Amino acid sequence: MSDTPTALAFPRSQLVIASRVAGIAAPIDGPTLGENSADVIAGVGAATEMGMTGKLCLAESHAATINAALSPGRDEISWALAIIERLGSDGRNIGDGGDLPRLARAQRIVERSRAFDAVR
């Protein structure tokens, strides 16, 4: 088996779908091999593109890199807070079919930002 993101795409997608169907949190991806931070960041990107919300690490030095890569940025947090304010945290102001998934995404971003201490 190769060491590319597509090598494990099928089992990763199965885990993500099974988690969603079961109503549980999205899975955490396995570790990226090697010491190179660029490889770790690329591994986090591949995992999040597949729908995973975390990544294991083999080296303690990778933890900060992984947390930074998974943490929402300020622009993303600002967008999420604006959406929640506009639509209401309970969805009372939902106007069209795209609003409910947009609100759910915004709420996940805020939850992630709190988990990574980006918003208090």
PDB file of N, CA and C in Angstrom:
ATOM      1  N   MET A   1       0.853  -1.175   0.000  1.00  0.00           N
ATOM      2  CA  MET A   1       0.000   0.000   0.000  1.00  0.00           C
ATOM      3  C   MET A   1       0.895   1.233   0.000  1.00  0.00           C
ATOM      4  N   SER A   2       0.491   2.228  -0.749  1.00  0.00           N
ATOM      5  CA  SER A   2       1.295   3.449  -0.846  1.00  0.00           C
ATOM      6  C   SER A   2       1.020   4.387   0.325  1.00  0.00           C
ATOM      7  N   ASP A   3       1.864   5.393   0.438  1.00  0.00           N
ATOM      8  CA  ASP A   3       1.760   6.370   1.523  1.00  0.00           C
ATOM      9  C   ASP A   3       1.160   7.676   0.998  1.00  0.00           C
ATOM     10  N   THR A   4       0.070   7.585   0.246  1.00  0.00           N
ATOM     11  CA  THR A   4      -0.606   8.768  -0.284  1.00  0.00           C
ATOM     12  C   THR A   4      -1.977   8.891   0.380  1.00  0.00           C
ATOM     13  N   PRO A   5      -2.545  10.084   0.388  1.00  0.00           N
ATOM     14  CA  PRO A   5      -3.864  10.259   1.007  1.00  0.00           C
ATOM     15  C   PRO A   5      -4.946   9.384   0.376  1.00  0.00           C
ATOM     16  N   THR A   6      -4.819   9.099  -0.912  1.00  0.00           N
ATOM     17  CA  THR A   6      -5.856   8.299  -1.570  1.00  0.00           C
ATOM     18  C   THR A   6      -5.766   6.819  -1.220  1.00  0.00           C
ATOM     19  N   ALA A   7      -4.627   6.368  -0.696  1.00  0.00           N
ATOM     20  CA  ALA A   7      -4.465   4.952  -0.375  1.00  0.00           C
ATOM     21  C   ALA A   7      -5.504   4.475   0.638  1.00  0.00           C
ATOM     22  N   LEU A   8      -5.839   5.306   1.579  1.00  0.00           N
ATOM     23  CA  LEU A   8      -6.816   4.936   2.606  1.00  0.00           C
ATOM     24  C   LEU A   8      -8.130   5.702   2.466  1.00  0.00           C
ATOM     25  N   ALA A   9      -8.380   6.262   1.304  1.00  0.00           N
ATOM     26  CA  ALA A   9      -9.585   7.068   1.103  1.00  0.00           C
ATOM     27  C   ALA A   9     -10.862   6.264   1.341  1.00  0.00           C
ATOM     28  N   PHE A  10     -10.911   5.045   0.854  1.00  0.00           N
ATOM     29  CA  PHE A  10     -12.130   4.246   1.009  1.00  0.00           C
ATOM     30  C   PHE A  10     -12.422   3.929   2.475  1.00  0.00           C
ATOM     31  N   PRO A  11     -11.475   3.360   3.232  1.00  0.00           N
ATOM     32  CA  PRO A  11     -11.802   3.097   4.643  1.00  0.00           C
ATOM     33  C   PRO A  11     -12.052   4.370   5.453  1.00  0.00           C
ATOM     34  N   ARG A  12     -11.351   5.453   5.113  1.00  0.00           N
ATOM     35  CA  ARG A  12     -11.610   6.713   5.819  1.00  0.00           C
ATOM     36  C   ARG A  12     -13.039   7.178   5.566  1.00  0.00           C
ATOM     37  N   SER A  13     -13.464   7.135   4.311  1.00  0.00           N
ATOM     38  CA  SER A  13     -14.820   7.589   3.995  1.00  0.00           C
ATOM     39  C   SER A  13     -15.859   6.684   4.648  1.00  0.00           C
ATOM     40  N   GLN A  14     -15.576   5.381   4.739  1.00  0.00           N
ATOM     41  CA  GLN A  14     -16.501   4.478   5.430  1.00  0.00           C
ATOM     42  C   GLN A  14     -16.635   4.852   6.906  1.00  0.00           C
ATOM     43  N   LEU A  15     -15.520   5.177   7.547  1.00  0.00           N
ATOM     44  CA  LEU A  15     -15.563   5.591   8.953  1.00  0.00           C
ATOM     45  C   LEU A  15     -16.368   6.874   9.139  1.00  0.00           C
ATOM     46  N   VAL A  16     -16.156   7.832   8.246  1.00  0.00           N
ATOM     47  CA  VAL A  16     -16.867   9.111   8.340  1.00  0.00           C
ATOM     48  C   VAL A  16     -18.368   8.896   8.158  1.00  0.00           C
ATOM     49  N   ILE A  17     -18.744   8.115   7.151  1.00  0.00           N
ATOM     50  CA  ILE A  17     -20.167   7.860   6.889  1.00  0.00           C
ATOM     51  C   ILE A  17     -20.793   7.084   8.039  1.00  0.00           C
ATOM     52  N   ALA A  18     -20.107   6.051   8.524  1.00  0.00           N
ATOM     53  CA  ALA A  18     -20.642   5.255   9.634  1.00  0.00           C
ATOM     54  C   ALA A  18     -20.820   6.109  10.890  1.00  0.00           C
ATOM     55  N   SER A  19     -19.891   6.999  11.141  1.00  0.00           N
ATOM     56  CA  SER A  19     -20.003   7.888  12.301  1.00  0.00           C
ATOM     57  C   SER A  19     -21.208   8.798  12.173  1.00  0.00           C
ATOM     58  N   ARG A  20     -21.398   9.352  10.983  1.00  0.00           N
ATOM     59  CA  ARG A  20     -22.538  10.252  10.755  1.00  0.00           C
ATOM     60  C   ARG A  20     -23.853   9.507  10.931  1.00  0.00           C
ATOM     61  N   VAL A  21     -23.943   8.301  10.349  1.00  0.00           N
ATOM     62  CA  VAL A  21     -25.164   7.504  10.451  1.00  0.00           C
ATOM     63  C   VAL A  21     -25.448   7.129  11.908  1.00  0.00           C
ATOM     64  N   ALA A  22     -24.397   6.827  12.658  1.00  0.00           N
ATOM     65  CA  ALA A  22     -24.553   6.439  14.062  1.00  0.00           C
ATOM     66  C   ALA A  22     -24.821   7.634  14.977  1.00  0.00           C
ATOM     67  N   GLY A  23     -24.662   8.841  14.441  1.00  0.00           N
ATOM     68  CA  GLY A  23     -24.885  10.036  15.251  1.00  0.00           C
ATOM     69  C   GLY A  23     -23.780  10.293  16.254  1.00  0.00           C
ATOM     70  N   ILE A  24     -22.576   9.828  15.938  1.00  0.00           N
ATOM     71  CA  ILE A  24     -21.437  10.050  16.829  1.00  0.00           C
ATOM     72  C   ILE A  24     -20.452  11.013  16.172  1.00  0.00           C
ATOM     73  N   ALA A  25     -19.492  11.462  16.936  1.00  0.00           N
ATOM     74  CA  ALA A  25     -18.490  12.398  16.413  1.00  0.00           C
ATOM     75  C   ALA A  25     -17.721  11.775  15.256  1.00  0.00           C
ATOM     76  N   ALA A  26     -17.273  12.629  14.361  1.00  0.00           N
ATOM     77  CA  ALA A  26     -16.474  12.162  13.225  1.00  0.00           C
ATOM     78  C   ALA A  26     -15.196  11.510  13.737  1.00  0.00           C
ATOM     79  N   PRO A  27     -14.649  10.566  12.980  1.00  0.00           N
ATOM     80  CA  PRO A  27     -13.465   9.841  13.442  1.00  0.00           C
ATOM     81  C   PRO A  27     -12.201  10.692  13.470  1.00  0.00           C
ATOM     82  N   ILE A  28     -11.229  10.159  14.178  1.00  0.00           N
ATOM     83  CA  ILE A  28      -9.898  10.763  14.265  1.00  0.00           C
ATOM     84  C   ILE A  28      -8.976   9.946  13.379  1.00  0.00           C
ATOM     85  N   ASP A  29      -8.203  10.608  12.551  1.00  0.00           N
ATOM     86  CA  ASP A  29      -7.308   9.944  11.612  1.00  0.00           C
ATOM     87  C   ASP A  29      -6.068   9.413  12.324  1.00  0.00           C
ATOM     88  N   GLY A  30      -5.442   8.444  11.720  1.00  0.00           N
ATOM     89  CA  GLY A  30      -4.194   7.898  12.238  1.00  0.00           C
ATOM     90  C   GLY A  30      -3.059   8.892  12.080  1.00  0.00           C
ATOM     91  N   PRO A  31      -1.892   8.553  12.585  1.00  0.00           N
ATOM     92  CA  PRO A  31      -0.759   9.483  12.552  1.00  0.00           C
ATOM     93  C   PRO A  31      -0.114   9.588  11.179  1.00  0.00           C
ATOM     94  N   THR A  32       0.562  10.694  10.967  1.00  0.00           N
ATOM     95  CA  THR A  32       1.418  10.877   9.797  1.00  0.00           C
ATOM     96  C   THR A  32       2.813  10.434  10.204  1.00  0.00           C
ATOM     97  N   LEU A  33       3.430   9.626   9.369  1.00  0.00           N
ATOM     98  CA  LEU A  33       4.777   9.144   9.666  1.00  0.00           C
ATOM     99  C   LEU A  33       5.797  10.216   9.321  1.00  0.00           C
ATOM    100  N   GLY A  34       6.882  10.253  10.062  1.00  0.00           N
ATOM    101  CA  GLY A  34       7.947  11.210   9.785  1.00  0.00           C
ATOM    102  C   GLY A  34       7.941  12.371  10.749  1.00  0.00           C
ATOM    103  N   GLU A  35       8.992  13.164  10.683  1.00  0.00           N
ATOM    104  CA  GLU A  35       9.173  14.296  11.593  1.00  0.00           C
ATOM    105  C   GLU A  35       8.883  15.643  10.948  1.00  0.00           C
ATOM    106  N   ASN A  36       8.696  15.674   9.652  1.00  0.00           N
ATOM    107  CA  ASN A  36       8.541  16.905   8.894  1.00  0.00           C
ATOM    108  C   ASN A  36       7.178  17.549   9.181  1.00  0.00           C
ATOM    109  N   SER A  37       7.169  18.790   9.661  1.00  0.00           N
ATOM    110  CA  SER A  37       5.914  19.494   9.956  1.00  0.00           C
ATOM    111  C   SER A  37       5.057  19.690   8.713  1.00  0.00           C
ATOM    112  N   ALA A  38       5.692  19.913   7.567  1.00  0.00           N
ATOM    113  CA  ALA A  38       4.935  20.092   6.323  1.00  0.00           C
ATOM    114  C   ALA A  38       4.152  18.824   5.991  1.00  0.00           C
ATOM    115  N   ASP A  39       4.749  17.655   6.229  1.00  0.00           N
ATOM    116  CA  ASP A  39       4.044  16.395   5.992  1.00  0.00           C
ATOM    117  C   ASP A  39       2.873  16.237   6.952  1.00  0.00           C
ATOM    118  N   VAL A  40       3.068  16.645   8.200  1.00  0.00           N
ATOM    119  CA  VAL A  40       1.999  16.560   9.199  1.00  0.00           C
ATOM    120  C   VAL A  40       0.846  17.479   8.800  1.00  0.00           C
ATOM    121  N   ILE A  41       1.154  18.695   8.388  1.00  0.00           N
ATOM    122  CA  ILE A  41       0.114  19.642   7.964  1.00  0.00           C
ATOM    123  C   ILE A  41      -0.633  19.101   6.753  1.00  0.00           C
ATOM    124  N   ALA A  42       0.088  18.524   5.800  1.00  0.00           N
ATOM    125  CA  ALA A  42      -0.553  17.922   4.624  1.00  0.00           C
ATOM    126  C   ALA A  42      -1.450  16.761   5.047  1.00  0.00           C
ATOM    127  N   GLY A  43      -0.996  15.974   6.015  1.00  0.00           N
ATOM    128  CA  GLY A  43      -1.800  14.861   6.516  1.00  0.00           C
ATOM    129  C   GLY A  43      -3.079  15.326   7.186  1.00  0.00           C
ATOM    130  N   VAL A  44      -2.991  16.414   7.931  1.00  0.00           N
ATOM    131  CA  VAL A  44      -4.186  16.988   8.559  1.00  0.00           C
ATOM    132  C   VAL A  44      -5.149  17.473   7.480  1.00  0.00           C
ATOM    133  N   GLY A  45      -4.614  18.123   6.452  1.00  0.00           N
ATOM    134  CA  GLY A  45      -5.461  18.597   5.357  1.00  0.00           C
ATOM    135  C   GLY A  45      -6.189  17.460   4.671  1.00  0.00           C
ATOM    136  N   ALA A  46      -5.481  16.375   4.406  1.00  0.00           N
ATOM    137  CA  ALA A  46      -6.104  15.211   3.765  1.00  0.00           C
ATOM    138  C   ALA A  46      -7.183  14.612   4.661  1.00  0.00           C
ATOM    139  N   ALA A  47      -6.918  14.544   5.951  1.00  0.00           N
ATOM    140  CA  ALA A  47      -7.890  13.974   6.891  1.00  0.00           C
ATOM    141  C   ALA A  47      -9.148  14.832   6.981  1.00  0.00           C
ATOM    142  N   THR A  48      -8.978  16.141   7.071  1.00  0.00           N
ATOM    143  CA  THR A  48     -10.154  17.013   7.184  1.00  0.00           C
ATOM    144  C   THR A  48     -10.950  17.041   5.885  1.00  0.00           C
ATOM    145  N   GLU A  49     -10.276  16.920   4.752  1.00  0.00           N
ATOM    146  CA  GLU A  49     -10.994  16.840   3.474  1.00  0.00           C
ATOM    147  C   GLU A  49     -11.882  15.602   3.420  1.00  0.00           C
ATOM    148  N   MET A  50     -11.472  14.550   4.109  1.00  0.00           N
ATOM    149  CA  MET A  50     -12.259  13.316   4.149  1.00  0.00           C
ATOM    150  C   MET A  50     -13.369  13.382   5.197  1.00  0.00           C
ATOM    151  N   GLY A  51     -13.372  14.423   6.030  1.00  0.00           N
ATOM    152  CA  GLY A  51     -14.418  14.582   7.033  1.00  0.00           C
ATOM    153  C   GLY A  51     -14.014  14.198   8.439  1.00  0.00           C
ATOM    154  N   MET A  52     -12.731  13.936   8.644  1.00  0.00           N
ATOM    155  CA  MET A  52     -12.253  13.599   9.984  1.00  0.00           C
ATOM    156  C   MET A  52     -11.997  14.886  10.769  1.00  0.00           C
ATOM    157  N   THR A  53     -12.076  14.787  12.077  1.00  0.00           N
ATOM    158  CA  THR A  53     -11.968  15.996  12.896  1.00  0.00           C
ATOM    159  C   THR A  53     -10.781  15.991  13.847  1.00  0.00           C
ATOM    160  N   GLY A  54      -9.912  15.029  13.706  1.00  0.00           N
ATOM    161  CA  GLY A  54      -8.740  14.963  14.560  1.00  0.00           C
ATOM    162  C   GLY A  54      -7.672  14.109  13.919  1.00  0.00           C
ATOM    163  N   LYS A  55      -6.503  14.094  14.539  1.00  0.00           N
ATOM    164  CA  LYS A  55      -5.384  13.317  14.009  1.00  0.00           C
ATOM    165  C   LYS A  55      -4.512  12.871  15.167  1.00  0.00           C
ATOM    166  N   LEU A  56      -4.160  11.601  15.154  1.00  0.00           N
ATOM    167  CA  LEU A  56      -3.220  11.081  16.142  1.00  0.00           C
ATOM    168  C   LEU A  56      -1.820  11.537  15.772  1.00  0.00           C
ATOM    169  N   CYS A  57      -0.931  11.569  16.749  1.00  0.00           N
ATOM    170  CA  CYS A  57       0.459  11.897  16.439  1.00  0.00           C
ATOM    171  C   CYS A  57       1.390  10.940  17.163  1.00  0.00           C
ATOM    172  N   LEU A  58       2.524  10.674  16.533  1.00  0.00           N
ATOM    173  CA  LEU A  58       3.527   9.785  17.110  1.00  0.00           C
ATOM    174  C   LEU A  58       4.567  10.551  17.908  1.00  0.00           C
ATOM    175  N   ALA A  59       4.759  11.810  17.566  1.00  0.00           N
ATOM    176  CA  ALA A  59       5.757  12.639  18.239  1.00  0.00           C
ATOM    177  C   ALA A  59       5.046  13.783  18.962  1.00  0.00           C
ATOM    178  N   GLU A  60       5.431  14.020  20.190  1.00  0.00           N
ATOM    179  CA  GLU A  60       4.825  15.106  20.970  1.00  0.00           C
ATOM    180  C   GLU A  60       4.963  16.446  20.253  1.00  0.00           C
ATOM    181  N   SER A  61       6.045  16.605  19.510  1.00  0.00           N
ATOM    182  CA  SER A  61       6.277  17.863  18.793  1.00  0.00           C
ATOM    183  C   SER A  61       5.225  18.113  17.716  1.00  0.00           C
ATOM    184  N   HIS A  62       4.503  17.088  17.291  1.00  0.00           N
ATOM    185  CA  HIS A  62       3.472  17.258  16.264  1.00  0.00           C
ATOM    186  C   HIS A  62       2.160  17.799  16.830  1.00  0.00           C
ATOM    187  N   ALA A  63       1.957  17.679  18.135  1.00  0.00           N
ATOM    188  CA  ALA A  63       0.669  18.058  18.725  1.00  0.00           C
ATOM    189  C   ALA A  63       0.312  19.519  18.453  1.00  0.00           C
ATOM    190  N   ALA A  64       1.241  20.425  18.658  1.00  0.00           N
ATOM    191  CA  ALA A  64       0.956  21.850  18.426  1.00  0.00           C
ATOM    192  C   ALA A  64       0.682  22.118  16.953  1.00  0.00           C
ATOM    193  N   THR A  65       1.416  21.453  16.070  1.00  0.00           N
ATOM    194  CA  THR A  65       1.206  21.619  14.625  1.00  0.00           C
ATOM    195  C   THR A  65      -0.182  21.133  14.233  1.00  0.00           C
ATOM    196  N   ILE A  66      -0.573  19.980  14.749  1.00  0.00           N
ATOM    197  CA  ILE A  66      -1.890  19.417  14.443  1.00  0.00           C
ATOM    198  C   ILE A  66      -2.991  20.313  14.999  1.00  0.00           C
ATOM    199  N   ASN A  67      -2.852  20.759  16.238  1.00  0.00           N
ATOM    200  CA  ASN A  67      -3.865  21.643  16.830  1.00  0.00           C
ATOM    201  C   ASN A  67      -4.017  22.932  16.035  1.00  0.00           C
ATOM    202  N   ALA A  68      -2.897  23.511  15.621  1.00  0.00           N
ATOM    203  CA  ALA A  68      -2.959  24.748  14.831  1.00  0.00           C
ATOM    204  C   ALA A  68      -3.642  24.504  13.491  1.00  0.00           C
ATOM    205  N   ALA A  69      -3.342  23.373  12.863  1.00  0.00           N
ATOM    206  CA  ALA A  69      -3.939  23.069  11.555  1.00  0.00           C
ATOM    207  C   ALA A  69      -5.435  22.781  11.664  1.00  0.00           C
ATOM    208  N   LEU A  70      -5.871  22.215  12.776  1.00  0.00           N
ATOM    209  CA  LEU A  70      -7.289  21.899  12.963  1.00  0.00           C
ATOM    210  C   LEU A  70      -8.098  23.068  13.512  1.00  0.00           C
ATOM    211  N   SER A  71      -7.435  24.032  14.111  1.00  0.00           N
ATOM    212  CA  SER A  71      -8.135  25.175  14.702  1.00  0.00           C
ATOM    213  C   SER A  71      -8.700  26.081  13.619  1.00  0.00           C
ATOM    214  N   PRO A  72      -9.946  26.517  13.783  1.00  0.00           N
ATOM    215  CA  PRO A  72     -10.498  27.465  12.822  1.00  0.00           C
ATOM    216  C   PRO A  72      -9.747  28.793  12.884  1.00  0.00           C
ATOM    217  N   GLY A  73      -9.591  29.432  11.749  1.00  0.00           N
ATOM    218  CA  GLY A  73      -8.953  30.740  11.693  1.00  0.00           C
ATOM    219  C   GLY A  73      -9.911  31.836  12.118  1.00  0.00           C
ATOM    220  N   ARG A  74      -9.382  33.011  12.338  1.00  0.00           N
ATOM    221  CA  ARG A  74     -10.206  34.150  12.783  1.00  0.00           C
ATOM    222  C   ARG A  74     -11.319  34.475  11.786  1.00  0.00           C
ATOM    223  N   ASP A  75     -11.014  34.425  10.485  1.00  0.00           N
ATOM    224  CA  ASP A  75     -12.045  34.716   9.482  1.00  0.00           C
ATOM    225  C   ASP A  75     -13.169  33.688   9.540  1.00  0.00           C
ATOM    226  N   GLU A  76     -12.796  32.429   9.708  1.00  0.00           N
ATOM    227  CA  GLU A  76     -13.793  31.364   9.793  1.00  0.00           C
ATOM    228  C   GLU A  76     -14.655  31.523  11.047  1.00  0.00           C
ATOM    229  N   ILE A  77     -14.030  31.883  12.150  1.00  0.00           N
ATOM    230  CA  ILE A  77     -14.769  32.101  13.398  1.00  0.00           C
ATOM    231  C   ILE A  77     -15.699  33.304  13.263  1.00  0.00           C
ATOM    232  N   SER A  78     -15.220  34.379  12.671  1.00  0.00           N
ATOM    233  CA  SER A  78     -16.057  35.573  12.472  1.00  0.00           C
ATOM    234  C   SER A  78     -17.264  35.247  11.610  1.00  0.00           C
ATOM    235  N   TRP A  79     -17.036  34.483  10.528  1.00  0.00           N
ATOM    236  CA  TRP A  79     -18.138  34.071   9.650  1.00  0.00           C
ATOM    237  C   TRP A  79     -19.158  33.273  10.455  1.00  0.00           C
ATOM    238  N   ALA A  80     -18.681  32.305  11.238  1.00  0.00           N
ATOM    239  CA  ALA A  80     -19.573  31.434  12.001  1.00  0.00           C
ATOM    240  C   ALA A  80     -20.401  32.226  13.009  1.00  0.00           C
ATOM    241  N   LEU A  81     -19.762  33.131  13.725  1.00  0.00           N
ATOM    242  CA  LEU A  81     -20.486  33.935  14.712  1.00  0.00           C
ATOM    243  C   LEU A  81     -21.531  34.823  14.046  1.00  0.00           C
ATOM    244  N   ALA A  82     -21.205  35.364  12.877  1.00  0.00           N
ATOM    245  CA  ALA A  82     -22.168  36.198  12.143  1.00  0.00           C
ATOM    246  C   ALA A  82     -23.367  35.367  11.677  1.00  0.00           C
ATOM    247  N   ILE A  83     -23.116  34.156  11.207  1.00  0.00           N
ATOM    248  CA  ILE A  83     -24.208  33.279  10.762  1.00  0.00           C
ATOM    249  C   ILE A  83     -25.115  32.930  11.937  1.00  0.00           C
ATOM    250  N   ILE A  84     -24.525  32.578  13.066  1.00  0.00           N
ATOM    251  CA  ILE A  84     -25.316  32.219  14.245  1.00  0.00           C
ATOM    252  C   ILE A  84     -26.127  33.415  14.726  1.00  0.00           C
ATOM    253  N   GLU A  85     -25.530  34.592  14.693  1.00  0.00           N
ATOM    254  CA  GLU A  85     -26.267  35.795  15.099  1.00  0.00           C
ATOM    255  C   GLU A  85     -27.428  36.073  14.143  1.00  0.00           C
ATOM    256  N   ARG A  86     -27.175  35.923  12.843  1.00  0.00           N
ATOM    257  CA  ARG A  86     -28.213  36.214  11.846  1.00  0.00           C
ATOM    258  C   ARG A  86     -29.347  35.191  11.878  1.00  0.00           C
ATOM    259  N   LEU A  87     -29.002  33.908  12.009  1.00  0.00           N
ATOM    260  CA  LEU A  87     -30.017  32.859  11.946  1.00  0.00           C
ATOM    261  C   LEU A  87     -30.581  32.481  13.312  1.00  0.00           C
ATOM    262  N   GLY A  88     -29.912  32.904  14.373  1.00  0.00           N
ATOM    263  CA  GLY A  88     -30.316  32.519  15.721  1.00  0.00           C
ATOM    264  C   GLY A  88     -29.731  31.158  16.061  1.00  0.00           C
ATOM    265  N   SER A  89     -29.262  31.003  17.274  1.00  0.00           N
ATOM    266  CA  SER A  89     -28.628  29.735  17.653  1.00  0.00           C
ATOM    267  C   SER A  89     -29.607  28.571  17.591  1.00  0.00           C
ATOM    268  N   ASP A  90     -30.898  28.869  17.702  1.00  0.00           N
ATOM    269  CA  ASP A  90     -31.922  27.830  17.610  1.00  0.00           C
ATOM    270  C   ASP A  90     -32.539  27.753  16.215  1.00  0.00           C
ATOM    271  N   GLY A  91     -32.038  28.562  15.271  1.00  0.00           N
ATOM    272  CA  GLY A  91     -32.537  28.533  13.897  1.00  0.00           C
ATOM    273  C   GLY A  91     -33.847  29.269  13.692  1.00  0.00           C
ATOM    274  N   ARG A  92     -34.212  30.131  14.616  1.00  0.00           N
ATOM    275  CA  ARG A  92     -35.510  30.815  14.523  1.00  0.00           C
ATOM    276  C   ARG A  92     -35.637  31.719  13.301  1.00  0.00           C
ATOM    277  N   ASN A  93     -34.505  32.132  12.700  1.00  0.00           N
ATOM    278  CA  ASN A  93     -34.550  33.034  11.547  1.00  0.00           C
ATOM    279  C   ASN A  93     -34.180  32.352  10.232  1.00  0.00           C
ATOM    280  N   ILE A  94     -34.269  31.040  10.188  1.00  0.00           N
ATOM    281  CA  ILE A  94     -33.939  30.316   8.954  1.00  0.00           C
ATOM    282  C   ILE A  94     -34.923  30.718   7.871  1.00  0.00           C
ATOM    283  N   GLY A  95     -34.372  31.049   6.687  1.00  0.00           N
ATOM    284  CA  GLY A  95     -35.215  31.532   5.610  1.00  0.00           C
ATOM    285  C   GLY A  95     -35.255  30.641   4.384  1.00  0.00           C
ATOM    286  N   ASP A  96     -34.171  29.917   4.103  1.00  0.00           N
ATOM    287  CA  ASP A  96     -34.183  29.060   2.919  1.00  0.00           C
ATOM    288  C   ASP A  96     -33.492  27.733   3.214  1.00  0.00           C
ATOM    289  N   GLY A  97     -33.506  26.847   2.236  1.00  0.00           N
ATOM    290  CA  GLY A  97     -32.982  25.498   2.412  1.00  0.00           C
ATOM    291  C   GLY A  97     -31.505  25.420   2.718  1.00  0.00           C
ATOM    292  N   GLY A  98     -30.761  26.456   2.380  1.00  0.00           N
ATOM    293  CA  GLY A  98     -29.330  26.446   2.654  1.00  0.00           C
ATOM    294  C   GLY A  98     -28.975  26.925   4.046  1.00  0.00           C
ATOM    295  N   ASP A  99     -29.937  27.515   4.743  1.00  0.00           N
ATOM    296  CA  ASP A  99     -29.641  28.096   6.054  1.00  0.00           C
ATOM    297  C   ASP A  99     -29.372  27.054   7.139  1.00  0.00           C
ATOM    298  N   LEU A 100     -30.119  25.957   7.145  1.00  0.00           N
ATOM    299  CA  LEU A 100     -29.940  24.962   8.203  1.00  0.00           C
ATOM    300  C   LEU A 100     -28.553  24.315   8.157  1.00  0.00           C
ATOM    301  N   PRO A 101     -28.078  23.833   6.996  1.00  0.00           N
ATOM    302  CA  PRO A 101     -26.715  23.293   6.981  1.00  0.00           C
ATOM    303  C   PRO A 101     -25.654  24.358   7.257  1.00  0.00           C
ATOM    304  N   ARG A 102     -25.907  25.591   6.825  1.00  0.00           N
ATOM    305  CA  ARG A 102     -24.980  26.696   7.092  1.00  0.00           C
ATOM    306  C   ARG A 102     -24.892  26.948   8.598  1.00  0.00           C
ATOM    307  N   LEU A 103     -26.038  26.932   9.278  1.00  0.00           N
ATOM    308  CA  LEU A 103     -26.066  27.119  10.730  1.00  0.00           C
ATOM    309  C   LEU A 103     -25.349  25.968  11.436  1.00  0.00           C
ATOM    310  N   ALA A 104     -25.590  24.753  10.987  1.00  0.00           N
ATOM    311  CA  ALA A 104     -24.927  23.590  11.601  1.00  0.00           C
ATOM    312  C   ALA A 104     -23.414  23.691  11.438  1.00  0.00           C
ATOM    313  N   ARG A 105     -22.965  24.103  10.265  1.00  0.00           N
ATOM    314  CA  ARG A 105     -21.523  24.269  10.032  1.00  0.00           C
ATOM    315  C   ARG A 105     -20.960  25.363  10.941  1.00  0.00           C
ATOM    316  N   ALA A 106     -21.678  26.468  11.039  1.00  0.00           N
ATOM    317  CA  ALA A 106     -21.228  27.570  11.895  1.00  0.00           C
ATOM    318  C   ALA A 106     -21.122  27.116  13.351  1.00  0.00           C
ATOM    319  N   GLN A 107     -22.089  26.354  13.811  1.00  0.00           N
ATOM    320  CA  GLN A 107     -22.052  25.874  15.193  1.00  0.00           C
ATOM    321  C   GLN A 107     -20.879  24.916  15.417  1.00  0.00           C
ATOM    322  N   ARG A 108     -20.585  24.069  14.426  1.00  0.00           N
ATOM    323  CA  ARG A 108     -19.428  23.169  14.546  1.00  0.00           C
ATOM    324  C   ARG A 108     -18.122  23.956  14.599  1.00  0.00           C
ATOM    325  N   ILE A 109     -18.040  25.024  13.810  1.00  0.00           N
ATOM    326  CA  ILE A 109     -16.831  25.858  13.814  1.00  0.00           C
ATOM    327  C   ILE A 109     -16.628  26.491  15.186  1.00  0.00           C
ATOM    328  N   VAL A 110     -17.692  27.017  15.764  1.00  0.00           N
ATOM    329  CA  VAL A 110     -17.584  27.636  17.089  1.00  0.00           C
ATOM    330  C   VAL A 110     -17.222  26.586  18.140  1.00  0.00           C
ATOM    331  N   GLU A 111     -17.821  25.405  18.053  1.00  0.00           N
ATOM    332  CA  GLU A 111     -17.471  24.326  18.991  1.00  0.00           C
ATOM    333  C   GLU A 111     -15.992  23.963  18.865  1.00  0.00           C
ATOM    334  N   ARG A 112     -15.510  23.828  17.624  1.00  0.00           N
ATOM    335  CA  ARG A 112     -14.095  23.509  17.405  1.00  0.00           C
ATOM    336  C   ARG A 112     -13.200  24.612  17.935  1.00  0.00           C
ATOM    337  N   SER A 113     -13.602  25.860  17.703  1.00  0.00           N
ATOM    338  CA  SER A 113     -12.772  26.974  18.165  1.00  0.00           C
ATOM    339  C   SER A 113     -12.690  26.990  19.689  1.00  0.00           C
ATOM    340  N   ARG A 114     -13.770  26.659  20.348  1.00  0.00           N
ATOM    341  CA  ARG A 114     -13.747  26.586  21.814  1.00  0.00           C
ATOM    342  C   ARG A 114     -12.880  25.422  22.277  1.00  0.00           C
ATOM    343  N   ALA A 115     -12.959  24.311  21.571  1.00  0.00           N
ATOM    344  CA  ALA A 115     -12.138  23.147  21.934  1.00  0.00           C
ATOM    345  C   ALA A 115     -10.651  23.464  21.805  1.00  0.00           C
ATOM    346  N   PHE A 116     -10.311  24.281  20.819  1.00  0.00           N
ATOM    347  CA  PHE A 116      -8.916  24.646  20.603  1.00  0.00           C
ATOM    348  C   PHE A 116      -8.575  25.986  21.242  1.00  0.00           C
ATOM    349  N   ASP A 117      -9.505  26.535  22.047  1.00  0.00           N
ATOM    350  CA  ASP A 117      -9.281  27.748  22.818  1.00  0.00           C
ATOM    351  C   ASP A 117      -9.117  28.997  21.961  1.00  0.00           C
ATOM    352  N   ALA A 118      -9.733  29.008  20.773  1.00  0.00           N
ATOM    353  CA  ALA A 118      -9.658  30.191  19.923  1.00  0.00           C
ATOM    354  C   ALA A 118     -10.735  31.210  20.292  1.00  0.00           C
ATOM    355  N   VAL A 119     -11.832  30.741  20.898  1.00  0.00           N
ATOM    356  CA  VAL A 119     -12.923  31.615  21.328  1.00  0.00           C
ATOM    357  C   VAL A 119     -13.256  31.229  22.761  1.00  0.00           C
ATOM    358  N   ARG A 120     -13.523  32.205  23.579  1.00  0.00           N
ATOM    359  CA  ARG A 120     -13.895  31.891  24.974  1.00  0.00           C
ATOM    360  C   ARG A 120     -15.332  32.231  25.224  1.00  0.00           C
TER     361      ARG A 120
END
